[in-house]
Amino acid sequence: MDNILSPMKILLPIDGSEYSKRAAQVALRIAKLHSGQILLLHVIAPSGQERKKWMVEGGEKLLQVYRESMVNEGLDEASITTLIENGDPADQIIDTAEIKGVNRIIMGTHGKTGIKKLAGSVTEKVLRNSKVLVLGVPPNYEI
């Protein structure tokens, strides 16, 4: 159980999709309301090749865009950290949340149904396996 007085530490996985943009808006609002900290995480998923310099540079650029946007919206730059990890996205999100001691994971959902949902999504895997509270932001959520 979270300590009510402990600072809000939010893990925000970023993949550049519209879903992660919407989740970022929610995370920003919550962080501002609760003087929280945000850890922006980009995971480079295995693709049958080694991690390449361009993959890392692309991830760094993506995280920087989100960081700058949050600062422009009034979040203190010191309260935002960035991290790039390799591996299965769901596993890395769960592991990072535990290692970094976050108390919230905020991520977008794709709103999949039917066979696509049965195949499983990153958000669904995180929801099922995380020991940390997960807030899934649906694609039609309006801020």
C-alpha atoms as a PDB file:
ATOM      1  CA  MET A   1       0.000   0.000   0.000  1.00  0.00           C
ATOM      2  CA  ASP A   2       1.306   3.442  -0.911  1.00  0.00           C
ATOM      3  CA  ASN A   3       2.145   5.898   1.793  1.00  0.00           C
ATOM      4  CA  ILE A   4      -0.329   8.760   1.378  1.00  0.00           C
ATOM      5  CA  LEU A   5       2.408  11.264   2.177  1.00  0.00           C
ATOM      6  CA  SER A   6       4.976   9.828  -0.234  1.00  0.00           C
ATOM      7  CA  PRO A   7       5.584  11.868  -3.388  1.00  0.00           C
ATOM      8  CA  MET A   8       3.749  10.790  -6.533  1.00  0.00           C
ATOM      9  CA  LYS A   9       6.185   9.008  -8.852  1.00  0.00           C
ATOM     10  CA  ILE A  10       4.693   8.217 -12.249  1.00  0.00           C
ATOM     11  CA  LEU A  11       6.136   5.898 -14.883  1.00  0.00           C
ATOM     12  CA  LEU A  12       5.016   6.967 -18.351  1.00  0.00           C
ATOM     13  CA  PRO A  13       5.958   4.518 -21.122  1.00  0.00           C
ATOM     14  CA  ILE A  14       6.307   6.370 -24.440  1.00  0.00           C
ATOM     15  CA  ASP A  15       6.166   4.840 -27.913  1.00  0.00           C
ATOM     16  CA  GLY A  16       5.219   7.943 -29.895  1.00  0.00           C
ATOM     17  CA  SER A  17       1.688   6.753 -30.672  1.00  0.00           C
ATOM     18  CA  GLU A  18      -1.472   8.793 -30.210  1.00  0.00           C
ATOM     19  CA  TYR A  19      -2.222   6.509 -27.245  1.00  0.00           C
ATOM     20  CA  SER A  20       0.962   7.464 -25.419  1.00  0.00           C
ATOM     21  CA  LYS A  21       0.338  11.153 -26.201  1.00  0.00           C
ATOM     22  CA  ARG A  22      -3.069  10.933 -24.526  1.00  0.00           C
ATOM     23  CA  ALA A  23      -1.563   9.117 -21.527  1.00  0.00           C
ATOM     24  CA  ALA A  24       1.112  11.830 -21.311  1.00  0.00           C
ATOM     25  CA  GLN A  25      -1.591  14.493 -21.037  1.00  0.00           C
ATOM     26  CA  VAL A  26      -3.169  12.606 -18.124  1.00  0.00           C
ATOM     27  CA  ALA A  27       0.197  12.012 -16.424  1.00  0.00           C
ATOM     28  CA  LEU A  28       1.110  15.685 -16.794  1.00  0.00           C
ATOM     29  CA  ARG A  29      -2.155  16.802 -15.215  1.00  0.00           C
ATOM     30  CA  ILE A  30      -1.760  14.379 -12.292  1.00  0.00           C
ATOM     31  CA  ALA A  31       1.901  15.312 -11.756  1.00  0.00           C
ATOM     32  CA  LYS A  32       1.052  19.012 -11.687  1.00  0.00           C
ATOM     33  CA  LEU A  33      -1.831  18.505  -9.245  1.00  0.00           C
ATOM     34  CA  HIS A  34       0.236  16.371  -6.857  1.00  0.00           C
ATOM     35  CA  SER A  35       3.706  17.908  -7.299  1.00  0.00           C
ATOM     36  CA  GLY A  36       4.697  14.574  -8.775  1.00  0.00           C
ATOM     37  CA  GLN A  37       7.674  13.255 -10.646  1.00  0.00           C
ATOM     38  CA  ILE A  38       7.505  11.628 -14.066  1.00  0.00           C
ATOM     39  CA  LEU A  39       9.836   8.978 -15.424  1.00  0.00           C
ATOM     40  CA  LEU A  40       9.525   8.857 -19.215  1.00  0.00           C
ATOM     41  CA  LEU A  41      10.427   5.372 -20.467  1.00  0.00           C
ATOM     42  CA  HIS A  42      11.039   4.261 -24.043  1.00  0.00           C
ATOM     43  CA  VAL A  43      11.593   0.548 -24.654  1.00  0.00           C
ATOM     44  CA  ILE A  44      13.443  -0.701 -27.702  1.00  0.00           C
ATOM     45  CA  ALA A  45      11.721  -4.001 -28.429  1.00  0.00           C
ATOM     46  CA  PRO A  46      13.666  -6.929 -29.873  1.00  0.00           C
ATOM     47  CA  SER A  47      13.477  -6.889 -33.651  1.00  0.00           C
ATOM     48  CA  GLY A  48      15.853  -9.666 -34.600  1.00  0.00           C
ATOM     49  CA  GLN A  49      18.765  -7.263 -34.733  1.00  0.00           C
ATOM     50  CA  GLU A  50      21.116  -5.705 -32.238  1.00  0.00           C
ATOM     51  CA  ARG A  51      20.295  -2.389 -30.663  1.00  0.00           C
ATOM     52  CA  LYS A  52      21.483   0.140 -33.220  1.00  0.00           C
ATOM     53  CA  LYS A  53      22.686   3.688 -32.658  1.00  0.00           C
ATOM     54  CA  TRP A  54      19.745   5.081 -34.676  1.00  0.00           C
ATOM     55  CA  MET A  55      17.272   3.228 -32.426  1.00  0.00           C
ATOM     56  CA  VAL A  56      18.738   4.869 -29.348  1.00  0.00           C
ATOM     57  CA  GLU A  57      18.931   8.286 -31.019  1.00  0.00           C
ATOM     58  CA  GLY A  58      15.300   8.002 -32.107  1.00  0.00           C
ATOM     59  CA  GLY A  59      14.252   7.066 -28.571  1.00  0.00           C
ATOM     60  CA  GLU A  60      16.243   9.933 -27.078  1.00  0.00           C
ATOM     61  CA  LYS A  61      14.685  12.399 -29.524  1.00  0.00           C
ATOM     62  CA  LEU A  62      11.178  11.112 -28.739  1.00  0.00           C
ATOM     63  CA  LEU A  63      11.736  11.411 -24.990  1.00  0.00           C
ATOM     64  CA  GLN A  64      13.171  14.917 -25.408  1.00  0.00           C
ATOM     65  CA  VAL A  65      10.048  16.035 -27.315  1.00  0.00           C
ATOM     66  CA  TYR A  66       7.831  14.793 -24.473  1.00  0.00           C
ATOM     67  CA  ARG A  67      10.090  16.318 -21.826  1.00  0.00           C
ATOM     68  CA  GLU A  68      10.098  19.740 -23.539  1.00  0.00           C
ATOM     69  CA  SER A  69       6.342  19.639 -24.010  1.00  0.00           C
ATOM     70  CA  MET A  70       5.784  18.911 -20.311  1.00  0.00           C
ATOM     71  CA  VAL A  71       8.134  21.715 -19.266  1.00  0.00           C
ATOM     72  CA  ASN A  72       6.313  24.086 -21.634  1.00  0.00           C
ATOM     73  CA  GLU A  73       3.054  23.059 -19.926  1.00  0.00           C
ATOM     74  CA  GLY A  74       4.452  24.088 -16.535  1.00  0.00           C
ATOM     75  CA  LEU A  75       6.003  20.941 -15.063  1.00  0.00           C
ATOM     76  CA  ASP A  76       9.336  21.554 -13.341  1.00  0.00           C
ATOM     77  CA  GLU A  77      12.158  20.177 -15.485  1.00  0.00           C
ATOM     78  CA  ALA A  78      13.830  18.688 -12.409  1.00  0.00           C
ATOM     79  CA  SER A  79      10.785  16.475 -11.846  1.00  0.00           C
ATOM     80  CA  ILE A  80      11.168  14.713 -15.217  1.00  0.00           C
ATOM     81  CA  THR A  81      13.659  11.941 -15.908  1.00  0.00           C
ATOM     82  CA  THR A  82      14.107   9.828 -19.010  1.00  0.00           C
ATOM     83  CA  LEU A  83      15.214   6.255 -19.548  1.00  0.00           C
ATOM     84  CA  ILE A  84      15.683   3.923 -22.520  1.00  0.00           C
ATOM     85  CA  GLU A  85      15.607   0.158 -21.992  1.00  0.00           C
ATOM     86  CA  ASN A  86      15.906  -2.889 -24.268  1.00  0.00           C
ATOM     87  CA  GLY A  87      13.610  -5.882 -24.275  1.00  0.00           C
ATOM     88  CA  ASP A  88       9.999  -6.902 -24.133  1.00  0.00           C
ATOM     89  CA  PRO A  89       8.041  -3.685 -23.514  1.00  0.00           C
ATOM     90  CA  ALA A  90       5.655  -5.100 -20.891  1.00  0.00           C
ATOM     91  CA  ASP A  91       8.465  -6.792 -18.963  1.00  0.00           C
ATOM     92  CA  GLN A  92      10.613  -3.665 -19.043  1.00  0.00           C
ATOM     93  CA  ILE A  93       7.748  -1.440 -17.879  1.00  0.00           C
ATOM     94  CA  ILE A  94       7.007  -3.749 -14.948  1.00  0.00           C
ATOM     95  CA  ASP A  95      10.684  -4.145 -14.012  1.00  0.00           C
ATOM     96  CA  THR A  96      11.405  -0.424 -14.281  1.00  0.00           C
ATOM     97  CA  ALA A  97       8.410   0.429 -12.103  1.00  0.00           C
ATOM     98  CA  GLU A  98       9.673  -1.845  -9.345  1.00  0.00           C
ATOM     99  CA  ILE A  99      13.353  -0.872  -9.635  1.00  0.00           C
ATOM    100  CA  LYS A 100      12.664   2.866  -9.722  1.00  0.00           C
ATOM    101  CA  GLY A 101      10.074   2.734  -6.939  1.00  0.00           C
ATOM    102  CA  VAL A 102       7.251   4.390  -8.851  1.00  0.00           C
ATOM    103  CA  ASN A 103       3.768   4.232  -7.397  1.00  0.00           C
ATOM    104  CA  ARG A 104       1.794   4.741 -10.630  1.00  0.00           C
ATOM    105  CA  ILE A 105       2.104   3.580 -14.224  1.00  0.00           C
ATOM    106  CA  ILE A 106       0.062   5.614 -16.684  1.00  0.00           C
ATOM    107  CA  MET A 107      -0.216   4.279 -20.211  1.00  0.00           C
ATOM    108  CA  GLY A 108      -2.522   4.419 -23.173  1.00  0.00           C
ATOM    109  CA  THR A 109      -4.777   1.623 -24.313  1.00  0.00           C
ATOM    110  CA  HIS A 110      -5.558   0.817 -27.919  1.00  0.00           C
ATOM    111  CA  GLY A 111      -9.149  -0.172 -27.219  1.00  0.00           C
ATOM    112  CA  LYS A 112      -8.703  -3.503 -28.963  1.00  0.00           C
ATOM    113  CA  THR A 113     -11.496  -6.051 -28.976  1.00  0.00           C
ATOM    114  CA  GLY A 114     -12.033  -9.565 -30.247  1.00  0.00           C
ATOM    115  CA  ILE A 115      -9.091 -11.530 -31.635  1.00  0.00           C
ATOM    116  CA  LYS A 116      -6.694  -8.586 -31.282  1.00  0.00           C
ATOM    117  CA  LYS A 117      -7.457  -8.426 -27.578  1.00  0.00           C
ATOM    118  CA  LEU A 118      -6.957 -12.177 -27.163  1.00  0.00           C
ATOM    119  CA  ALA A 119      -3.475 -11.852 -28.649  1.00  0.00           C
ATOM    120  CA  GLY A 120      -2.692  -9.474 -25.799  1.00  0.00           C
ATOM    121  CA  SER A 121      -1.378  -5.947 -25.677  1.00  0.00           C
ATOM    122  CA  VAL A 122       1.457  -4.387 -23.746  1.00  0.00           C
ATOM    123  CA  THR A 123      -1.022  -2.550 -21.524  1.00  0.00           C
ATOM    124  CA  GLU A 124      -2.964  -5.724 -20.789  1.00  0.00           C
ATOM    125  CA  LYS A 125       0.226  -7.598 -19.828  1.00  0.00           C
ATOM    126  CA  VAL A 126       1.293  -4.760 -17.556  1.00  0.00           C
ATOM    127  CA  LEU A 127      -2.166  -4.649 -15.945  1.00  0.00           C
ATOM    128  CA  ARG A 128      -2.081  -8.400 -15.284  1.00  0.00           C
ATOM    129  CA  ASN A 129       1.465  -8.590 -13.926  1.00  0.00           C
ATOM    130  CA  SER A 130       2.344  -5.270 -12.284  1.00  0.00           C
ATOM    131  CA  LYS A 131       2.563  -4.866  -8.530  1.00  0.00           C
ATOM    132  CA  VAL A 132       2.197  -1.122  -9.116  1.00  0.00           C
ATOM    133  CA  LEU A 133      -1.118   0.638  -9.712  1.00  0.00           C
ATOM    134  CA  VAL A 134      -1.750   0.998 -13.461  1.00  0.00           C
ATOM    135  CA  LEU A 135      -3.955   3.653 -15.023  1.00  0.00           C
ATOM    136  CA  GLY A 136      -4.927   2.740 -18.573  1.00  0.00           C
ATOM    137  CA  VAL A 137      -6.057   5.763 -20.583  1.00  0.00           C
ATOM    138  CA  PRO A 138      -8.634   4.758 -23.218  1.00  0.00           C
ATOM    139  CA  PRO A 139      -8.297   6.101 -26.776  1.00  0.00           C
ATOM    140  CA  ASN A 140     -11.523   8.103 -26.570  1.00  0.00           C
ATOM    141  CA  TYR A 141     -10.726   9.797 -23.230  1.00  0.00           C
ATOM    142  CA  GLU A 142     -11.004  13.574 -23.483  1.00  0.00           C
ATOM    143  CA  ILE A 143      -9.056  15.849 -21.220  1.00  0.00           C
END
